[in-house]
């Protein structure tokens, strides 16, 4: 009888520890996934928004479950020696969730900006080709120096537009120089 009680207790503790370790591992994975998908969402990648929502929710649920317990996850709080560490992590997770919600609330704007910049980028090659044709025609026609100079500036500006729109689309964020140049 005593052996049965001890075995049941040991199996119960092992099962609870396995759930806690699973929640910790999943929290780590979701925090990395959130970081990756946020950087993609900020530049307007449509598929990243669902990943941001899912990752932030799972991360918050697991960390709060580890801190206070969660009946839905059948998870007891870690408590004890881990309570101070969890007390420090919970506000950071809450802040990350709030930031993710801010990004999610801007999904329409971010995807519109992404689409507009991609369209500018596609059109810039056409504009460059047209500007080079104009410059070439001006040279062939023996145009004045000011007209040739203006055509050269037009070529340069079409290249700058394409370059600046590409700089907007990077995950490092938008630089002030890219905004000014565009």
Protein backbone atom coordinates (compact mmCIF):
# COMPACT_ATOMS: atom_id res chain seq x y z
CA UNK A 1 0.00 0.00 0.00
CA UNK A 2 2.74 2.45 0.96
CA UNK A 3 4.62 1.57 -2.22
CA UNK A 4 1.50 2.37 -4.27
CA UNK A 5 1.05 5.76 -2.58
CA UNK A 6 4.73 6.63 -3.08
CA UNK A 7 4.59 5.52 -6.73
CA UNK A 8 1.45 7.56 -7.43
CA UNK A 9 2.98 10.59 -5.72
CA UNK A 10 6.25 10.22 -7.67
CA UNK A 11 4.42 9.84 -10.97
CA UNK A 12 2.23 12.84 -10.20
CA UNK A 13 5.27 15.01 -9.38
CA UNK A 14 7.10 13.77 -12.48
CA UNK A 15 4.07 14.59 -14.63
CA UNK A 16 3.78 18.08 -13.12
CA UNK A 17 7.51 18.70 -13.57
CA UNK A 18 7.25 17.57 -17.20
CA UNK A 19 4.39 20.07 -17.78
CA UNK A 20 6.41 22.85 -16.18
CA UNK A 21 9.47 22.03 -18.28
CA UNK A 22 7.30 21.91 -21.37
CA UNK A 23 5.85 25.35 -20.52
CA UNK A 24 9.36 26.73 -20.00
CA UNK A 25 10.60 25.32 -23.31
CA UNK A 26 7.53 26.54 -25.15
CA UNK A 27 7.93 29.99 -23.60
CA UNK A 28 11.51 30.17 -24.84
CA UNK A 29 10.51 29.07 -28.33
CA UNK A 30 7.56 31.49 -28.46
CA UNK A 31 9.71 34.42 -27.31
CA UNK A 32 12.14 33.76 -30.17
CA UNK A 33 9.27 33.30 -32.63
CA UNK A 34 7.71 36.55 -31.40
CA UNK A 35 10.96 38.45 -31.96
CA UNK A 36 11.26 37.08 -35.50
CA UNK A 37 7.64 37.66 -36.45
CA UNK A 38 7.52 41.19 -34.96
CA UNK A 39 10.44 42.25 -37.14
CA UNK A 40 8.62 40.88 -40.19
CA UNK A 41 5.28 42.43 -39.18
CA UNK A 42 6.82 45.87 -38.75
CA UNK A 43 7.84 45.85 -42.41
CA UNK A 44 4.31 44.75 -43.39
CA UNK A 45 4.71 41.02 -44.07
CA UNK A 46 1.07 39.84 -43.98
CA UNK A 47 1.75 36.28 -42.71
CA UNK A 48 3.74 37.56 -39.72
CA UNK A 49 0.73 39.11 -37.98
CA UNK A 50 -0.92 35.79 -37.14
CA UNK A 51 2.40 34.53 -35.76
CA UNK A 52 2.73 37.66 -33.61
CA UNK A 53 -0.75 37.14 -32.15
CA UNK A 54 -0.26 33.44 -31.47
CA UNK A 55 3.25 33.76 -30.06
CA UNK A 56 2.42 36.62 -27.71
CA UNK A 57 -0.68 34.82 -26.39
CA UNK A 58 1.08 31.48 -25.83
CA UNK A 59 4.09 33.17 -24.24
CA UNK A 60 1.96 35.19 -21.83
CA UNK A 61 -0.24 32.22 -20.93
CA UNK A 62 2.75 29.96 -20.20
CA UNK A 63 4.69 32.51 -18.16
CA UNK A 64 1.62 33.49 -16.13
CA UNK A 65 0.86 29.79 -15.65
CA UNK A 66 4.37 29.20 -14.33
CA UNK A 67 4.04 32.20 -12.02
CA UNK A 68 0.55 31.64 -10.62
CA UNK A 69 -0.61 28.27 -11.93
CA UNK A 70 -3.14 27.57 -14.67
CA UNK A 71 -5.93 25.02 -14.40
CA UNK A 72 -6.55 25.07 -18.16
CA UNK A 73 -2.93 24.04 -18.79
CA UNK A 74 -2.95 21.74 -15.73
CA UNK A 75 0.07 23.66 -14.59
CA UNK A 76 1.07 24.44 -11.01
CA UNK A 77 3.14 27.53 -10.29
CA UNK A 78 6.87 27.05 -9.94
CA UNK A 79 6.89 29.10 -6.75
CA UNK A 80 9.61 28.70 -4.17
CA UNK A 81 13.06 29.62 -5.33
CA UNK A 82 11.80 30.63 -8.77
CA UNK A 83 9.21 33.17 -7.60
CA UNK A 84 11.67 36.10 -7.63
CA UNK A 85 12.83 35.27 -11.16
CA UNK A 86 9.27 34.89 -12.37
CA UNK A 87 8.28 38.14 -10.67
CA UNK A 88 10.95 39.86 -12.78
CA UNK A 89 9.94 38.12 -16.01
CA UNK A 90 6.14 38.57 -15.82
CA UNK A 91 6.20 42.38 -16.32
CA UNK A 92 8.54 41.95 -19.30
CA UNK A 93 6.19 39.41 -20.86
CA UNK A 94 3.22 41.71 -20.22
CA UNK A 95 5.10 44.57 -21.88
CA UNK A 96 5.97 42.35 -24.87
CA UNK A 97 2.32 41.32 -25.20
CA UNK A 98 1.19 44.95 -25.09
CA UNK A 99 3.78 45.89 -27.72
CA UNK A 100 2.65 42.99 -29.90
CA UNK A 101 -0.95 44.21 -29.59
CA UNK A 102 0.19 47.67 -30.70
CA UNK A 103 1.83 46.20 -33.80
CA UNK A 104 -1.26 44.08 -34.48
CA UNK A 105 -3.49 47.14 -34.26
CA UNK A 106 -1.44 48.73 -37.05
CA UNK A 107 -1.62 45.73 -39.40
CA UNK A 108 -3.63 47.51 -42.10
CA UNK A 109 -1.30 50.52 -42.20
CA UNK A 110 1.87 48.42 -42.14
CA UNK A 111 0.70 46.16 -44.96
CA UNK A 112 -0.40 49.17 -47.03
CA UNK A 113 3.02 50.78 -46.58
CA UNK A 114 4.68 47.52 -47.57
CA UNK A 115 2.55 47.22 -50.71
CA UNK A 116 3.15 50.86 -51.66
CA UNK A 117 6.91 50.54 -51.22
CA UNK A 118 7.00 47.36 -53.27
CA UNK A 119 5.02 49.10 -55.99
CA UNK A 120 7.44 52.06 -55.92
CA UNK A 121 10.33 49.63 -56.14
CA UNK A 122 8.81 47.85 -59.16
CA UNK A 123 8.06 51.15 -60.89
CA UNK A 124 11.49 52.59 -60.22
CA UNK A 125 13.12 50.25 -62.73
CA UNK A 126 10.64 51.41 -65.39
CA UNK A 127 11.29 55.05 -64.45
CA UNK A 128 15.05 54.44 -64.65
CA UNK A 129 14.72 52.94 -68.12
CA UNK A 130 12.63 55.89 -69.31
CA UNK A 131 15.01 58.44 -67.73
CA UNK A 132 18.00 56.75 -69.39
CA UNK A 133 16.19 56.85 -72.74
CA UNK A 134 15.51 60.56 -72.29
CA UNK A 135 19.15 61.18 -71.40
CA UNK A 136 20.32 59.20 -74.42
CA UNK A 137 17.94 61.06 -76.76
CA UNK A 138 19.11 64.41 -75.40
CA UNK A 139 22.71 63.45 -76.11
CA UNK A 140 21.86 62.25 -79.63
CA UNK A 141 19.96 65.45 -80.38
CA UNK A 142 22.88 67.58 -79.25
CA UNK A 143 20.90 69.23 -76.48
CA UNK A 144 22.41 71.95 -74.34
CA UNK A 145 24.45 71.27 -71.25
CA UNK A 146 21.61 72.24 -68.90
CA UNK A 147 19.20 69.77 -70.57
CA UNK A 148 21.75 66.95 -70.46
CA UNK A 149 22.49 67.77 -66.82
CA UNK A 150 18.77 67.74 -65.99
CA UNK A 151 18.37 64.37 -67.73
CA UNK A 152 21.34 63.02 -65.72
CA UNK A 153 19.75 64.24 -62.51
CA UNK A 154 16.50 62.54 -63.51
CA UNK A 155 18.40 59.24 -63.92
CA UNK A 156 20.02 59.71 -60.50
CA UNK A 157 16.68 60.51 -58.83
CA UNK A 158 15.01 57.39 -60.22
CA UNK A 159 17.86 55.31 -58.76
CA UNK A 160 17.55 57.10 -55.41
CA UNK A 161 13.81 56.40 -55.25
CA UNK A 162 14.39 52.67 -55.72
CA UNK A 163 17.24 52.59 -53.22
CA UNK A 164 15.26 54.53 -50.61
CA UNK A 165 12.19 52.33 -50.95
CA UNK A 166 14.40 49.25 -50.47
CA UNK A 167 15.83 50.79 -47.29
CA UNK A 168 12.29 51.21 -45.96
CA UNK A 169 11.64 47.50 -46.43
CA UNK A 170 14.49 46.29 -44.22
CA UNK A 171 13.82 44.72 -40.83
CA UNK A 172 16.31 47.09 -39.18
CA UNK A 173 13.66 49.75 -39.40
CA UNK A 174 13.27 53.00 -41.20
CA UNK A 175 16.23 55.33 -41.12
CA UNK A 176 15.84 59.09 -41.12
CA UNK A 177 18.10 59.26 -44.16
CA UNK A 178 15.84 56.89 -46.13
CA UNK A 179 12.82 59.04 -45.33
CA UNK A 180 14.66 62.22 -46.35
CA UNK A 181 15.98 60.71 -49.58
CA UNK A 182 12.64 59.29 -50.62
